[in-house]
Structure formats: structure tokens, C-alpha cells
PDB file of N, CA and C in Angstrom:
ATOM      1  N   MET A   1     108.500  23.202 -26.339  1.00  0.00           N
ATOM      2  CA  MET A   1     108.154  22.381 -27.160  1.00  0.00           C
ATOM      3  C   MET A   1     108.841  21.278 -27.429  1.00  0.00           C
ATOM      4  N   THR A   2     108.285  19.991 -27.371  1.00  0.00           N
ATOM      5  CA  THR A   2     108.991  18.639 -27.660  1.00  0.00           C
ATOM      6  C   THR A   2     109.174  18.423 -28.975  1.00  0.00           C
ATOM      7  N   ILE A   3     110.237  18.467 -29.730  1.00  0.00           N
ATOM      8  CA  ILE A   3     110.301  17.881 -31.244  1.00  0.00           C
ATOM      9  C   ILE A   3     110.528  16.342 -30.937  1.00  0.00           C
ATOM     10  N   MET A   4     109.670  15.727 -32.081  1.00  0.00           N
ATOM     11  CA  MET A   4     109.628  14.241 -32.174  1.00  0.00           C
ATOM     12  C   MET A   4     109.922  14.176 -33.496  1.00  0.00           C
ATOM     13  N   GLN A   5     110.446  12.832 -33.694  1.00  0.00           N
ATOM     14  CA  GLN A   5     110.724  12.526 -35.246  1.00  0.00           C
ATOM     15  C   GLN A   5     110.749  10.983 -35.108  1.00  0.00           C
ATOM     16  N   VAL A   6     110.092  10.480 -36.610  1.00  0.00           N
ATOM     17  CA  VAL A   6     110.314   9.235 -37.004  1.00  0.00           C
ATOM     18  C   VAL A   6     111.714   8.918 -37.520  1.00  0.00           C
ATOM     19  N   ILE A   7     112.515   8.193 -37.225  1.00  0.00           N
ATOM     20  CA  ILE A   7     113.788   7.862 -37.838  1.00  0.00           C
ATOM     21  C   ILE A   7     113.787   6.650 -38.720  1.00  0.00           C
ATOM     22  N   PRO A   8     114.039   7.039 -39.849  1.00  0.00           N
ATOM     23  CA  PRO A   8     113.841   5.710 -40.798  1.00  0.00           C
ATOM     24  C   PRO A   8     115.244   4.677 -40.465  1.00  0.00           C
ATOM     25  N   ASN A   9     114.740   3.133 -40.752  1.00  0.00           N
ATOM     26  CA  ASN A   9     115.602   2.460 -40.868  1.00  0.00           C
ATOM     27  C   ASN A   9     117.310   2.696 -41.193  1.00  0.00           C
ATOM     28  N   ASP A  10     117.014   3.291 -42.535  1.00  0.00           N
ATOM     29  CA  ASP A  10     118.433   3.290 -42.926  1.00  0.00           C
ATOM     30  C   ASP A  10     119.319   4.352 -42.282  1.00  0.00           C
ATOM     31  N   ALA A  11     118.268   5.353 -41.370  1.00  0.00           N
ATOM     32  CA  ALA A  11     119.233   6.158 -40.629  1.00  0.00           C
ATOM     33  C   ALA A  11     119.612   5.765 -39.325  1.00  0.00           C
ATOM     34  N   PHE A  12     119.135   4.647 -38.831  1.00  0.00           N
ATOM     35  CA  PHE A  12     119.106   3.920 -37.580  1.00  0.00           C
ATOM     36  C   PHE A  12     120.427   2.950 -37.668  1.00  0.00           C
ATOM     37  N   PHE A  13     120.281   2.099 -38.914  1.00  0.00           N
ATOM     38  CA  PHE A  13     121.242   1.037 -38.775  1.00  0.00           C
ATOM     39  C   PHE A  13     122.255   1.376 -39.579  1.00  0.00           C
ATOM     40  N   THR A  14     123.648   0.688 -39.395  1.00  0.00           N
ATOM     41  CA  THR A  14     124.430   1.264 -40.109  1.00  0.00           C
ATOM     42  C   THR A  14     125.554  -0.136 -40.353  1.00  0.00           C
ATOM     43  N   GLN A  15     126.244  -0.283 -41.368  1.00  0.00           N
ATOM     44  CA  GLN A  15     126.764  -1.575 -41.702  1.00  0.00           C
ATOM     45  C   GLN A  15     128.313  -1.351 -41.379  1.00  0.00           C
ATOM     46  N   THR A  16     128.807  -2.415 -40.627  1.00  0.00           N
ATOM     47  CA  THR A  16     130.159  -2.303 -40.050  1.00  0.00           C
ATOM     48  C   THR A  16     131.047  -2.863 -41.060  1.00  0.00           C
ATOM     49  N   ALA A  17     132.178  -2.717 -40.955  1.00  0.00           N
ATOM     50  CA  ALA A  17     133.442  -3.312 -41.661  1.00  0.00           C
ATOM     51  C   ALA A  17     133.259  -4.796 -42.224  1.00  0.00           C
ATOM     52  N   ASP A  18     132.758  -5.708 -41.355  1.00  0.00           N
ATOM     53  CA  ASP A  18     132.752  -7.044 -41.617  1.00  0.00           C
ATOM     54  C   ASP A  18     131.094  -7.254 -42.049  1.00  0.00           C
ATOM     55  N   GLY A  19     130.417  -6.571 -42.244  1.00  0.00           N
ATOM     56  CA  GLY A  19     129.010  -6.404 -43.185  1.00  0.00           C
ATOM     57  C   GLY A  19     127.886  -6.766 -41.990  1.00  0.00           C
ATOM     58  N   LEU A  20     128.148  -6.931 -40.912  1.00  0.00           N
ATOM     59  CA  LEU A  20     127.008  -6.894 -40.136  1.00  0.00           C
ATOM     60  C   LEU A  20     126.329  -5.117 -39.931  1.00  0.00           C
ATOM     61  N   LEU A  21     124.879  -5.474 -40.022  1.00  0.00           N
ATOM     62  CA  LEU A  21     124.172  -4.164 -39.638  1.00  0.00           C
ATOM     63  C   LEU A  21     123.573  -3.996 -38.343  1.00  0.00           C
ATOM     64  N   VAL A  22     124.022  -2.885 -37.937  1.00  0.00           N
ATOM     65  CA  VAL A  22     123.963  -2.851 -36.439  1.00  0.00           C
ATOM     66  C   VAL A  22     123.217  -1.273 -35.998  1.00  0.00           C
ATOM     67  N   PRO A  23     122.742  -1.348 -34.851  1.00  0.00           N
ATOM     68  CA  PRO A  23     121.846  -0.265 -34.535  1.00  0.00           C
ATOM     69  C   PRO A  23     122.868   0.998 -34.209  1.00  0.00           C
ATOM     70  N   THR A  24     122.366   2.022 -34.495  1.00  0.00           N
ATOM     71  CA  THR A  24     123.371   3.211 -34.099  1.00  0.00           C
ATOM     72  C   THR A  24     123.554   3.324 -32.328  1.00  0.00           C
ATOM     73  N   SER A  25     124.596   3.634 -31.997  1.00  0.00           N
ATOM     74  CA  SER A  25     124.972   3.785 -30.594  1.00  0.00           C
ATOM     75  C   SER A  25     124.148   4.912 -30.034  1.00  0.00           C
ATOM     76  N   ILE A  26     123.736   4.689 -28.434  1.00  0.00           N
ATOM     77  CA  ILE A  26     122.796   5.912 -27.971  1.00  0.00           C
ATOM     78  C   ILE A  26     123.912   7.305 -28.178  1.00  0.00           C
ATOM     79  N   ALA A  27     125.114   6.846 -28.046  1.00  0.00           N
ATOM     80  CA  ALA A  27     126.119   8.101 -28.323  1.00  0.00           C
ATOM     81  C   ALA A  27     125.753   9.217 -29.329  1.00  0.00           C
ATOM     82  N   ASP A  28     125.287   8.379 -30.650  1.00  0.00           N
ATOM     83  CA  ASP A  28     125.137   8.891 -31.882  1.00  0.00           C
ATOM     84  C   ASP A  28     123.733   9.379 -32.144  1.00  0.00           C
ATOM     85  N   TYR A  29     122.806   9.313 -31.037  1.00  0.00           N
ATOM     86  CA  TYR A  29     121.347   9.615 -31.243  1.00  0.00           C
ATOM     87  C   TYR A  29     121.199  11.064 -31.609  1.00  0.00           C
ATOM     88  N   GLU A  30     121.777  11.849 -31.141  1.00  0.00           N
ATOM     89  CA  GLU A  30     121.625  13.390 -31.587  1.00  0.00           C
ATOM     90  C   GLU A  30     122.430  13.529 -32.764  1.00  0.00           C
ATOM     91  N   ASN A  31     123.155  13.091 -33.436  1.00  0.00           N
ATOM     92  CA  ASN A  31     123.164  13.016 -34.696  1.00  0.00           C
ATOM     93  C   ASN A  31     122.200  12.575 -35.603  1.00  0.00           C
ATOM     94  N   ILE A  32     121.586  11.262 -35.274  1.00  0.00           N
ATOM     95  CA  ILE A  32     120.760  10.819 -36.223  1.00  0.00           C
ATOM     96  C   ILE A  32     119.426  11.732 -36.235  1.00  0.00           C
ATOM     97  N   PHE A  33     119.447  12.244 -34.884  1.00  0.00           N
ATOM     98  CA  PHE A  33     118.004  13.527 -34.837  1.00  0.00           C
ATOM     99  C   PHE A  33     118.166  14.558 -36.071  1.00  0.00           C
ATOM    100  N   GLU A  34     119.610  15.061 -35.799  1.00  0.00           N
ATOM    101  CA  GLU A  34     119.886  16.117 -36.808  1.00  0.00           C
ATOM    102  C   GLU A  34     120.156  15.568 -38.118  1.00  0.00           C
ATOM    103  N   ASN A  35     120.534  14.988 -38.526  1.00  0.00           N
ATOM    104  CA  ASN A  35     120.958  14.561 -39.888  1.00  0.00           C
ATOM    105  C   ASN A  35     120.439  13.128 -40.394  1.00  0.00           C
ATOM    106  N   GLY A  36     119.219  12.593 -39.828  1.00  0.00           N
ATOM    107  CA  GLY A  36     118.824  11.329 -40.169  1.00  0.00           C
ATOM    108  C   GLY A  36     117.745  11.510 -41.325  1.00  0.00           C
ATOM    109  N   ASN A  37     117.541  12.514 -41.679  1.00  0.00           N
ATOM    110  CA  ASN A  37     116.357  12.666 -42.642  1.00  0.00           C
ATOM    111  C   ASN A  37     115.070  12.030 -41.992  1.00  0.00           C
ATOM    112  N   GLY A  38     114.795  12.347 -40.721  1.00  0.00           N
ATOM    113  CA  GLY A  38     113.818  11.931 -39.902  1.00  0.00           C
ATOM    114  C   GLY A  38     112.507  12.572 -40.351  1.00  0.00           C
ATOM    115  N   ILE A  39     110.991  12.178 -40.111  1.00  0.00           N
ATOM    116  CA  ILE A  39     110.074  13.020 -40.350  1.00  0.00           C
ATOM    117  C   ILE A  39     109.640  13.754 -39.121  1.00  0.00           C
ATOM    118  N   GLU A  40     109.706  14.941 -39.012  1.00  0.00           N
ATOM    119  CA  GLU A  40     109.346  15.539 -37.607  1.00  0.00           C
ATOM    120  C   GLU A  40     107.835  15.678 -37.424  1.00  0.00           C
ATOM    121  N   LEU A  41     107.461  15.240 -36.154  1.00  0.00           N
ATOM    122  CA  LEU A  41     106.016  14.878 -35.862  1.00  0.00           C
ATOM    123  C   LEU A  41     105.784  16.076 -35.064  1.00  0.00           C
ATOM    124  N   THR A  42     104.356  16.945 -35.227  1.00  0.00           N
ATOM    125  CA  THR A  42     103.648  17.813 -34.532  1.00  0.00           C
ATOM    126  C   THR A  42     102.539  17.341 -33.775  1.00  0.00           C
ATOM    127  N   ILE A  43     102.517  17.731 -32.347  1.00  0.00           N
ATOM    128  CA  ILE A  43     101.696  17.527 -31.811  1.00  0.00           C
ATOM    129  C   ILE A  43     100.639  18.569 -31.908  1.00  0.00           C
ATOM    130  N   THR A  44      99.210  17.934 -32.297  1.00  0.00           N
ATOM    131  CA  THR A  44      98.331  18.736 -32.759  1.00  0.00           C
ATOM    132  C   THR A  44      96.951  18.970 -31.746  1.00  0.00           C
ATOM    133  N   GLY A  45      96.818  18.317 -30.757  1.00  0.00           N
ATOM    134  CA  GLY A  45      95.986  18.050 -29.792  1.00  0.00           C
ATOM    135  C   GLY A  45      96.258  16.998 -28.747  1.00  0.00           C
ATOM    136  N   ILE A  46      95.506  16.629 -27.802  1.00  0.00           N
ATOM    137  CA  ILE A  46      95.358  16.100 -26.719  1.00  0.00           C
ATOM    138  C   ILE A  46      93.862  15.518 -26.618  1.00  0.00           C
ATOM    139  N   LEU A  47      93.905  14.428 -26.671  1.00  0.00           N
ATOM    140  CA  LEU A  47      92.481  13.510 -26.543  1.00  0.00           C
ATOM    141  C   LEU A  47      92.235  13.022 -25.050  1.00  0.00           C
ATOM    142  N   ARG A  48      91.177  13.185 -24.357  1.00  0.00           N
ATOM    143  CA  ARG A  48      90.861  12.706 -23.121  1.00  0.00           C
ATOM    144  C   ARG A  48      89.895  12.021 -23.198  1.00  0.00           C
ATOM    145  N   ASN A  49      89.700  10.570 -22.437  1.00  0.00           N
ATOM    146  CA  ASN A  49      88.235  10.322 -22.500  1.00  0.00           C
ATOM    147  C   ASN A  49      87.287  10.891 -21.279  1.00  0.00           C
ATOM    148  N   ARG A  50      86.263  11.049 -21.460  1.00  0.00           N
ATOM    149  CA  ARG A  50      85.270  11.154 -20.554  1.00  0.00           C
ATOM    150  C   ARG A  50      85.203  10.300 -19.170  1.00  0.00           C
ATOM    151  N   GLU A  51      85.555  10.745 -17.950  1.00  0.00           N
ATOM    152  CA  GLU A  51      85.340   9.771 -16.856  1.00  0.00           C
ATOM    153  C   GLU A  51      84.222   8.733 -16.817  1.00  0.00           C
ATOM    154  N   ALA A  52      82.898   9.483 -17.443  1.00  0.00           N
ATOM    155  CA  ALA A  52      81.643   8.610 -17.664  1.00  0.00           C
ATOM    156  C   ALA A  52      81.651   7.324 -18.558  1.00  0.00           C
ATOM    157  N   LEU A  53      82.647   7.406 -19.093  1.00  0.00           N
ATOM    158  CA  LEU A  53      82.962   6.432 -20.433  1.00  0.00           C
ATOM    159  C   LEU A  53      83.406   4.938 -19.295  1.00  0.00           C
ATOM    160  N   SER A  54      82.974   3.790 -19.731  1.00  0.00           N
ATOM    161  CA  SER A  54      83.273   2.605 -18.820  1.00  0.00           C
ATOM    162  C   SER A  54      84.556   1.749 -19.592  1.00  0.00           C
ATOM    163  N   ALA A  55      84.501   2.277 -20.999  1.00  0.00           N
ATOM    164  CA  ALA A  55      86.127   1.750 -21.686  1.00  0.00           C
ATOM    165  C   ALA A  55      86.632   2.842 -22.211  1.00  0.00           C
ATOM    166  N   LEU A  56      88.117   2.674 -22.184  1.00  0.00           N
ATOM    167  CA  LEU A  56      88.903   3.566 -23.001  1.00  0.00           C
ATOM    168  C   LEU A  56      88.358   3.542 -24.620  1.00  0.00           C
ATOM    169  N   VAL A  57      88.255   4.681 -25.124  1.00  0.00           N
ATOM    170  CA  VAL A  57      88.151   4.635 -26.290  1.00  0.00           C
ATOM    171  C   VAL A  57      89.458   4.705 -27.476  1.00  0.00           C
ATOM    172  N   HIS A  58      90.626   5.292 -26.544  1.00  0.00           N
ATOM    173  CA  HIS A  58      91.650   5.540 -27.364  1.00  0.00           C
ATOM    174  C   HIS A  58      93.202   4.787 -26.153  1.00  0.00           C
ATOM    175  N   HIS A  59      93.981   4.223 -26.343  1.00  0.00           N
ATOM    176  CA  HIS A  59      94.910   3.814 -25.629  1.00  0.00           C
ATOM    177  C   HIS A  59      95.912   4.712 -25.307  1.00  0.00           C
ATOM    178  N   THR A  60      96.533   4.743 -24.336  1.00  0.00           N
ATOM    179  CA  THR A  60      98.027   5.707 -24.282  1.00  0.00           C
ATOM    180  C   THR A  60      98.695   5.868 -25.307  1.00  0.00           C
ATOM    181  N   GLY A  61      99.402   6.807 -25.779  1.00  0.00           N
ATOM    182  CA  GLY A  61     100.512   6.716 -26.910  1.00  0.00           C
ATOM    183  C   GLY A  61     100.210   7.751 -27.877  1.00  0.00           C
ATOM    184  N   LEU A  62     100.307   7.772 -29.082  1.00  0.00           N
ATOM    185  CA  LEU A  62     100.166   8.789 -30.160  1.00  0.00           C
ATOM    186  C   LEU A  62      99.153   8.165 -30.965  1.00  0.00           C
ATOM    187  N   ILE A  63      98.399   8.961 -31.473  1.00  0.00           N
ATOM    188  CA  ILE A  63      97.295   8.632 -32.496  1.00  0.00           C
ATOM    189  C   ILE A  63      97.917   9.476 -33.758  1.00  0.00           C
ATOM    190  N   TYR A  64      97.924   8.522 -34.976  1.00  0.00           N
ATOM    191  CA  TYR A  64      98.520   9.524 -35.887  1.00  0.00           C
ATOM    192  C   TYR A  64      97.877   8.989 -37.019  1.00  0.00           C
ATOM    193  N   THR A  65      98.054   9.630 -38.380  1.00  0.00           N
ATOM    194  CA  THR A  65      97.395   9.279 -39.453  1.00  0.00           C
ATOM    195  C   THR A  65      97.706   7.850 -40.100  1.00  0.00           C
ATOM    196  N   VAL A  66      96.899   7.318 -41.196  1.00  0.00           N
ATOM    197  CA  VAL A  66      97.154   6.217 -41.865  1.00  0.00           C
ATOM    198  C   VAL A  66      97.986   6.550 -42.925  1.00  0.00           C
ATOM    199  N   ALA A  67      98.183   7.601 -43.410  1.00  0.00           N
ATOM    200  CA  ALA A  67      99.510   8.129 -44.336  1.00  0.00           C
ATOM    201  C   ALA A  67     100.695   7.913 -43.691  1.00  0.00           C
ATOM    202  N   LEU A  68     100.746   8.392 -42.200  1.00  0.00           N
ATOM    203  CA  LEU A  68     102.099   8.382 -41.590  1.00  0.00           C
ATOM    204  C   LEU A  68     102.066   6.685 -41.198  1.00  0.00           C
ATOM    205  N   THR A  69     101.218   5.939 -41.066  1.00  0.00           N
ATOM    206  CA  THR A  69     101.418   4.446 -40.831  1.00  0.00           C
ATOM    207  C   THR A  69     101.909   3.900 -42.338  1.00  0.00           C
ATOM    208  N   GLU A  70     101.354   4.270 -43.150  1.00  0.00           N
ATOM    209  CA  GLU A  70     101.450   3.630 -44.538  1.00  0.00           C
ATOM    210  C   GLU A  70     103.176   4.051 -44.846  1.00  0.00           C
ATOM    211  N   TYR A  71     103.631   5.397 -44.501  1.00  0.00           N
ATOM    212  CA  TYR A  71     104.857   5.913 -44.786  1.00  0.00           C
ATOM    213  C   TYR A  71     105.940   4.999 -44.239  1.00  0.00           C
ATOM    214  N   ILE A  72     105.730   4.911 -43.226  1.00  0.00           N
ATOM    215  CA  ILE A  72     106.764   4.033 -42.078  1.00  0.00           C
ATOM    216  C   ILE A  72     106.703   2.781 -42.179  1.00  0.00           C
ATOM    217  N   LEU A  73     105.741   2.113 -42.902  1.00  0.00           N
ATOM    218  CA  LEU A  73     105.811   0.542 -42.932  1.00  0.00           C
ATOM    219  C   LEU A  73     106.399   0.327 -44.577  1.00  0.00           C
ATOM    220  N   ASN A  74     106.029   1.163 -45.367  1.00  0.00           N
ATOM    221  CA  ASN A  74     106.715   1.194 -46.582  1.00  0.00           C
ATOM    222  C   ASN A  74     108.364   1.766 -46.875  1.00  0.00           C
ATOM    223  N   ASN A  75     108.531   2.632 -45.729  1.00  0.00           N
ATOM    224  CA  ASN A  75     110.168   2.937 -45.530  1.00  0.00           C
ATOM    225  C   ASN A  75     110.855   1.688 -45.015  1.00  0.00           C
ATOM    226  N   ALA A  76     110.137   1.260 -43.727  1.00  0.00           N
ATOM    227  CA  ALA A  76     110.799  -0.119 -43.481  1.00  0.00           C
ATOM    228  C   ALA A  76     110.863  -1.140 -44.131  1.00  0.00           C
ATOM    229  N   GLN A  77     110.278  -1.468 -45.033  1.00  0.00           N
ATOM    230  CA  GLN A  77     110.138  -2.583 -45.852  1.00  0.00           C
ATOM    231  C   GLN A  77     111.012  -2.520 -46.795  1.00  0.00           C
ATOM    232  N   SER A  78     111.441  -1.549 -47.339  1.00  0.00           N
ATOM    233  CA  SER A  78     112.507  -1.316 -48.388  1.00  0.00           C
ATOM    234  C   SER A  78     113.867  -0.793 -47.902  1.00  0.00           C
ATOM    235  N   SER A  79     113.814  -0.745 -46.599  1.00  0.00           N
ATOM    236  CA  SER A  79     115.391  -0.254 -46.075  1.00  0.00           C
ATOM    237  C   SER A  79     116.310  -1.380 -45.993  1.00  0.00           C
ATOM    238  N   GLU A  80     117.243  -0.809 -46.155  1.00  0.00           N
ATOM    239  CA  GLU A  80     118.543  -1.939 -46.184  1.00  0.00           C
ATOM    240  C   GLU A  80     118.495  -3.016 -45.635  1.00  0.00           C
ATOM    241  N   ILE A  81     118.298  -3.015 -44.260  1.00  0.00           N
ATOM    242  CA  ILE A  81     118.472  -3.978 -42.981  1.00  0.00           C
ATOM    243  C   ILE A  81     117.220  -4.943 -43.511  1.00  0.00           C
ATOM    244  N   ALA A  82     116.021  -4.327 -43.479  1.00  0.00           N
ATOM    245  CA  ALA A  82     114.846  -5.198 -43.834  1.00  0.00           C
ATOM    246  C   ALA A  82     115.197  -6.007 -45.168  1.00  0.00           C
ATOM    247  N   THR A  83     115.533  -5.473 -46.301  1.00  0.00           N
ATOM    248  CA  THR A  83     115.822  -6.265 -47.461  1.00  0.00           C
ATOM    249  C   THR A  83     117.041  -7.168 -47.025  1.00  0.00           C
ATOM    250  N   ALA A  84     117.961  -6.994 -46.434  1.00  0.00           N
ATOM    251  CA  ALA A  84     119.148  -7.891 -45.895  1.00  0.00           C
ATOM    252  C   ALA A  84     118.499  -9.188 -45.195  1.00  0.00           C
ATOM    253  N   GLN A  85     117.994  -8.723 -44.224  1.00  0.00           N
ATOM    254  CA  GLN A  85     117.157 -10.006 -43.303  1.00  0.00           C
ATOM    255  C   GLN A  85     116.209 -10.768 -44.146  1.00  0.00           C
ATOM    256  N   ARG A  86     115.437 -10.218 -44.750  1.00  0.00           N
ATOM    257  CA  ARG A  86     114.405 -11.013 -45.820  1.00  0.00           C
ATOM    258  C   ARG A  86     115.261 -11.932 -47.082  1.00  0.00           C
ATOM    259  N   ASN A  87     116.226 -11.458 -47.181  1.00  0.00           N
ATOM    260  CA  ASN A  87     117.433 -12.442 -48.021  1.00  0.00           C
ATOM    261  C   ASN A  87     118.292 -13.389 -47.280  1.00  0.00           C
ATOM    262  N   SER A  88     118.496 -13.234 -46.211  1.00  0.00           N
ATOM    263  CA  SER A  88     119.533 -13.914 -45.393  1.00  0.00           C
ATOM    264  C   SER A  88     118.655 -15.049 -44.555  1.00  0.00           C
ATOM    265  N   GLU A  89     119.747 -16.113 -44.587  1.00  0.00           N
ATOM    266  CA  GLU A  89     119.707 -17.204 -43.789  1.00  0.00           C
ATOM    267  C   GLU A  89     120.047 -17.038 -42.380  1.00  0.00           C
ATOM    268  N   VAL A  90     120.337 -16.009 -42.115  1.00  0.00           N
ATOM    269  CA  VAL A  90     120.929 -15.868 -40.698  1.00  0.00           C
ATOM    270  C   VAL A  90     120.105 -14.591 -39.923  1.00  0.00           C
ATOM    271  N   VAL A  91     120.233 -14.371 -38.491  1.00  0.00           N
ATOM    272  CA  VAL A  91     119.980 -12.886 -38.240  1.00  0.00           C
ATOM    273  C   VAL A  91     120.924 -12.148 -38.095  1.00  0.00           C
ATOM    274  N   VAL A  92     120.647 -10.888 -39.103  1.00  0.00           N
ATOM    275  CA  VAL A  92     121.639 -10.020 -39.733  1.00  0.00           C
ATOM    276  C   VAL A  92     122.323  -9.159 -38.686  1.00  0.00           C
ATOM    277  N   LEU A  93     121.577  -9.109 -37.760  1.00  0.00           N
ATOM    278  CA  LEU A  93     122.153  -8.222 -36.391  1.00  0.00           C
ATOM    279  C   LEU A  93     123.116  -8.986 -35.586  1.00  0.00           C
ATOM    280  N   LEU A  94     122.735 -10.263 -35.553  1.00  0.00           N
ATOM    281  CA  LEU A  94     124.128 -11.176 -34.682  1.00  0.00           C
ATOM    282  C   LEU A  94     124.859 -11.980 -35.626  1.00  0.00           C
ATOM    283  N   ASN A  95     124.291 -12.108 -36.712  1.00  0.00           N
ATOM    284  CA  ASN A  95     125.306 -13.239 -37.542  1.00  0.00           C
ATOM    285  C   ASN A  95     125.069 -14.675 -37.605  1.00  0.00           C
ATOM    286  N   THR A  96     123.812 -15.157 -36.785  1.00  0.00           N
ATOM    287  CA  THR A  96     123.572 -16.002 -35.936  1.00  0.00           C
ATOM    288  C   THR A  96     122.315 -16.812 -36.697  1.00  0.00           C
ATOM    289  N   PRO A  97     122.442 -18.145 -36.792  1.00  0.00           N
ATOM    290  CA  PRO A  97     121.157 -18.857 -37.616  1.00  0.00           C
ATOM    291  C   PRO A  97     119.779 -18.401 -36.629  1.00  0.00           C
ATOM    292  N   PHE A  98     118.759 -18.333 -37.489  1.00  0.00           N
ATOM    293  CA  PHE A  98     117.462 -18.607 -36.769  1.00  0.00           C
ATOM    294  C   PHE A  98     117.505 -19.860 -35.952  1.00  0.00           C
ATOM    295  N   ALA A  99     116.348 -19.445 -34.959  1.00  0.00           N
ATOM    296  CA  ALA A  99     116.386 -21.024 -33.972  1.00  0.00           C
ATOM    297  C   ALA A  99     115.237 -21.674 -34.629  1.00  0.00           C
ATOM    298  N   ASN A 100     114.204 -21.005 -35.472  1.00  0.00           N
ATOM    299  CA  ASN A 100     113.335 -21.828 -36.275  1.00  0.00           C
ATOM    300  C   ASN A 100     112.567 -20.765 -37.307  1.00  0.00           C
ATOM    301  N   GLU A 101     111.523 -21.175 -37.799  1.00  0.00           N
ATOM    302  CA  GLU A 101     110.731 -20.420 -38.973  1.00  0.00           C
ATOM    303  C   GLU A 101     109.817 -19.468 -38.407  1.00  0.00           C
ATOM    304  N   ALA A 102     109.667 -19.656 -36.820  1.00  0.00           N
ATOM    305  CA  ALA A 102     109.171 -18.703 -36.371  1.00  0.00           C
ATOM    306  C   ALA A 102     109.958 -17.385 -36.077  1.00  0.00           C
ATOM    307  N   ASP A 103     110.969 -17.797 -35.401  1.00  0.00           N
ATOM    308  CA  ASP A 103     112.178 -16.871 -35.207  1.00  0.00           C
ATOM    309  C   ASP A 103     112.325 -15.855 -36.488  1.00  0.00           C
ATOM    310  N   ARG A 104     112.579 -16.778 -37.556  1.00  0.00           N
ATOM    311  CA  ARG A 104     112.795 -15.901 -38.838  1.00  0.00           C
ATOM    312  C   ARG A 104     111.777 -15.060 -39.241  1.00  0.00           C
ATOM    313  N   ILE A 105     110.366 -15.536 -39.038  1.00  0.00           N
ATOM    314  CA  ILE A 105     109.271 -14.297 -39.134  1.00  0.00           C
ATOM    315  C   ILE A 105     109.233 -13.607 -38.158  1.00  0.00           C
ATOM    316  N   THR A 106     109.443 -13.605 -36.947  1.00  0.00           N
ATOM    317  CA  THR A 106     109.671 -12.630 -36.168  1.00  0.00           C
ATOM    318  C   THR A 106     110.410 -11.713 -35.892  1.00  0.00           C
ATOM    319  N   ARG A 107     111.836 -11.918 -36.313  1.00  0.00           N
ATOM    320  CA  ARG A 107     112.726 -11.031 -36.829  1.00  0.00           C
ATOM    321  C   ARG A 107     112.683 -10.166 -38.030  1.00  0.00           C
ATOM    322  N   CYS A 108     112.113 -10.766 -39.063  1.00  0.00           N
ATOM    323  CA  CYS A 108     111.413  -9.979 -40.386  1.00  0.00           C
ATOM    324  C   CYS A 108     110.602  -8.973 -39.955  1.00  0.00           C
ATOM    325  N   ARG A 109     109.797  -9.153 -38.919  1.00  0.00           N
ATOM    326  CA  ARG A 109     109.027  -8.306 -38.630  1.00  0.00           C
ATOM    327  C   ARG A 109     109.219  -6.956 -37.912  1.00  0.00           C
ATOM    328  N   GLN A 110     110.052  -7.656 -36.953  1.00  0.00           N
ATOM    329  CA  GLN A 110     110.706  -6.504 -36.030  1.00  0.00           C
ATOM    330  C   GLN A 110     111.766  -5.512 -36.796  1.00  0.00           C
ATOM    331  N   LEU A 111     112.168  -5.879 -37.813  1.00  0.00           N
ATOM    332  CA  LEU A 111     113.191  -4.871 -38.887  1.00  0.00           C
ATOM    333  C   LEU A 111     112.249  -4.229 -40.027  1.00  0.00           C
ATOM    334  N   GLY A 112     110.854  -4.947 -39.926  1.00  0.00           N
ATOM    335  CA  GLY A 112     109.826  -3.882 -41.179  1.00  0.00           C
ATOM    336  C   GLY A 112     109.823  -4.719 -42.187  1.00  0.00           C
ATOM    337  N   ALA A 113     110.703  -6.098 -42.398  1.00  0.00           N
ATOM    338  CA  ALA A 113     110.929  -6.965 -43.567  1.00  0.00           C
ATOM    339  C   ALA A 113     109.359  -7.557 -43.949  1.00  0.00           C
ATOM    340  N   ASP A 114     108.735  -7.720 -42.934  1.00  0.00           N
ATOM    341  CA  ASP A 114     107.371  -8.330 -43.069  1.00  0.00           C
ATOM    342  C   ASP A 114     106.115  -7.196 -42.300  1.00  0.00           C
ATOM    343  N   ILE A 115     105.423  -7.044 -43.183  1.00  0.00           N
ATOM    344  CA  ILE A 115     104.466  -6.054 -42.497  1.00  0.00           C
ATOM    345  C   ILE A 115     103.052  -6.650 -42.758  1.00  0.00           C
ATOM    346  N   ASP A 116     102.797  -8.032 -42.516  1.00  0.00           N
ATOM    347  CA  ASP A 116     101.379  -8.586 -42.570  1.00  0.00           C
ATOM    348  C   ASP A 116     100.795  -8.327 -40.987  1.00  0.00           C
ATOM    349  N   PRO A 117      99.794  -7.859 -41.127  1.00  0.00           N
ATOM    350  CA  PRO A 117      99.126  -7.903 -39.943  1.00  0.00           C
ATOM    351  C   PRO A 117      99.342  -9.152 -38.898  1.00  0.00           C
ATOM    352  N   ILE A 118      99.318  -8.573 -37.719  1.00  0.00           N
ATOM    353  CA  ILE A 118      99.637  -9.982 -36.442  1.00  0.00           C
ATOM    354  C   ILE A 118      98.540  -9.981 -35.780  1.00  0.00           C
ATOM    355  N   GLY A 119      97.371  -8.907 -35.719  1.00  0.00           N
ATOM    356  CA  GLY A 119      96.242  -8.845 -34.749  1.00  0.00           C
ATOM    357  C   GLY A 119      95.240  -7.642 -35.548  1.00  0.00           C
ATOM    358  N   VAL A 120      94.174  -7.710 -35.071  1.00  0.00           N
ATOM    359  CA  VAL A 120      93.138  -6.817 -35.312  1.00  0.00           C
ATOM    360  C   VAL A 120      92.531  -6.307 -34.148  1.00  0.00           C
ATOM    361  N   ARG A 121      92.463  -4.797 -34.149  1.00  0.00           N
ATOM    362  CA  ARG A 121      91.872  -4.326 -32.755  1.00  0.00           C
ATOM    363  C   ARG A 121      90.388  -3.904 -33.156  1.00  0.00           C
ATOM    364  N   ILE A 122      89.181  -4.276 -32.457  1.00  0.00           N
ATOM    365  CA  ILE A 122      88.177  -3.761 -32.755  1.00  0.00           C
ATOM    366  C   ILE A 122      87.665  -3.173 -31.659  1.00  0.00           C
ATOM    367  N   LEU A 123      87.216  -1.874 -31.874  1.00  0.00           N
ATOM    368  CA  LEU A 123      86.536  -0.977 -31.084  1.00  0.00           C
ATOM    369  C   LEU A 123      85.289  -0.299 -30.877  1.00  0.00           C
TER     370      LEU A 123
END
């Protein structure tokens, strides 16, 4: 069985001696998996569309509960890196200025500091 985990931002990003927040290196992924306070995910079923359907009801990927979505969003929004990015005038991963306001918003969304919806999917 394959074990999957949701790894929180605070386990994935670390602060360097000079204050930059950086993603963990690939070499440390196993350590994060073992000690990162991740949430273990259990696959409980496989959904398949019927061939007779003209449109897919579900896209490929994982389907998960609203509770998990809310946990992930809240955890990311309160993480150290999201808080740092929200309160910073520079890109905290690069220590460089934002290109413009759209860049600042995008960077905040990427790190979970801004969880405003960016689209709606109607099925």
C-alpha cells in the first residue's frame, strides 16, 4: 500500500541563518515524511466514470473531504512562511522585490497566505 501525507508548510520550509525561508531539499524529503507532522491520507476507494457519459464527472487526481480542504487552507494561512510573506515587502523565498501588485498576490496565494478563491467550477 502506498502511504501519502499532506505535509504542512512549517515542516516543509525552514529558515536559514540569514533569515530566508527556503523549501526543504529533496535529500530531506524522507525526514519530513517521517517527522514532519504530516497528515496521513488513506485511499478508501477508486471512482471511475462510465464510458456512456459524455462528460467527466470527476477530474483525475484525489477527491477529498471539505474538512481536509479547510484544514490545509487554515494550516497554510497560519504558517510561518505565509505570515512572513503577508507582512513582507519582498518575496521571502528570494529576498527580491515584487515585480508588481499582481506578483505579490500570486506569491501570497502560492504560499497559502491568501486563500481567496480564484475560480469556481460548476459541474
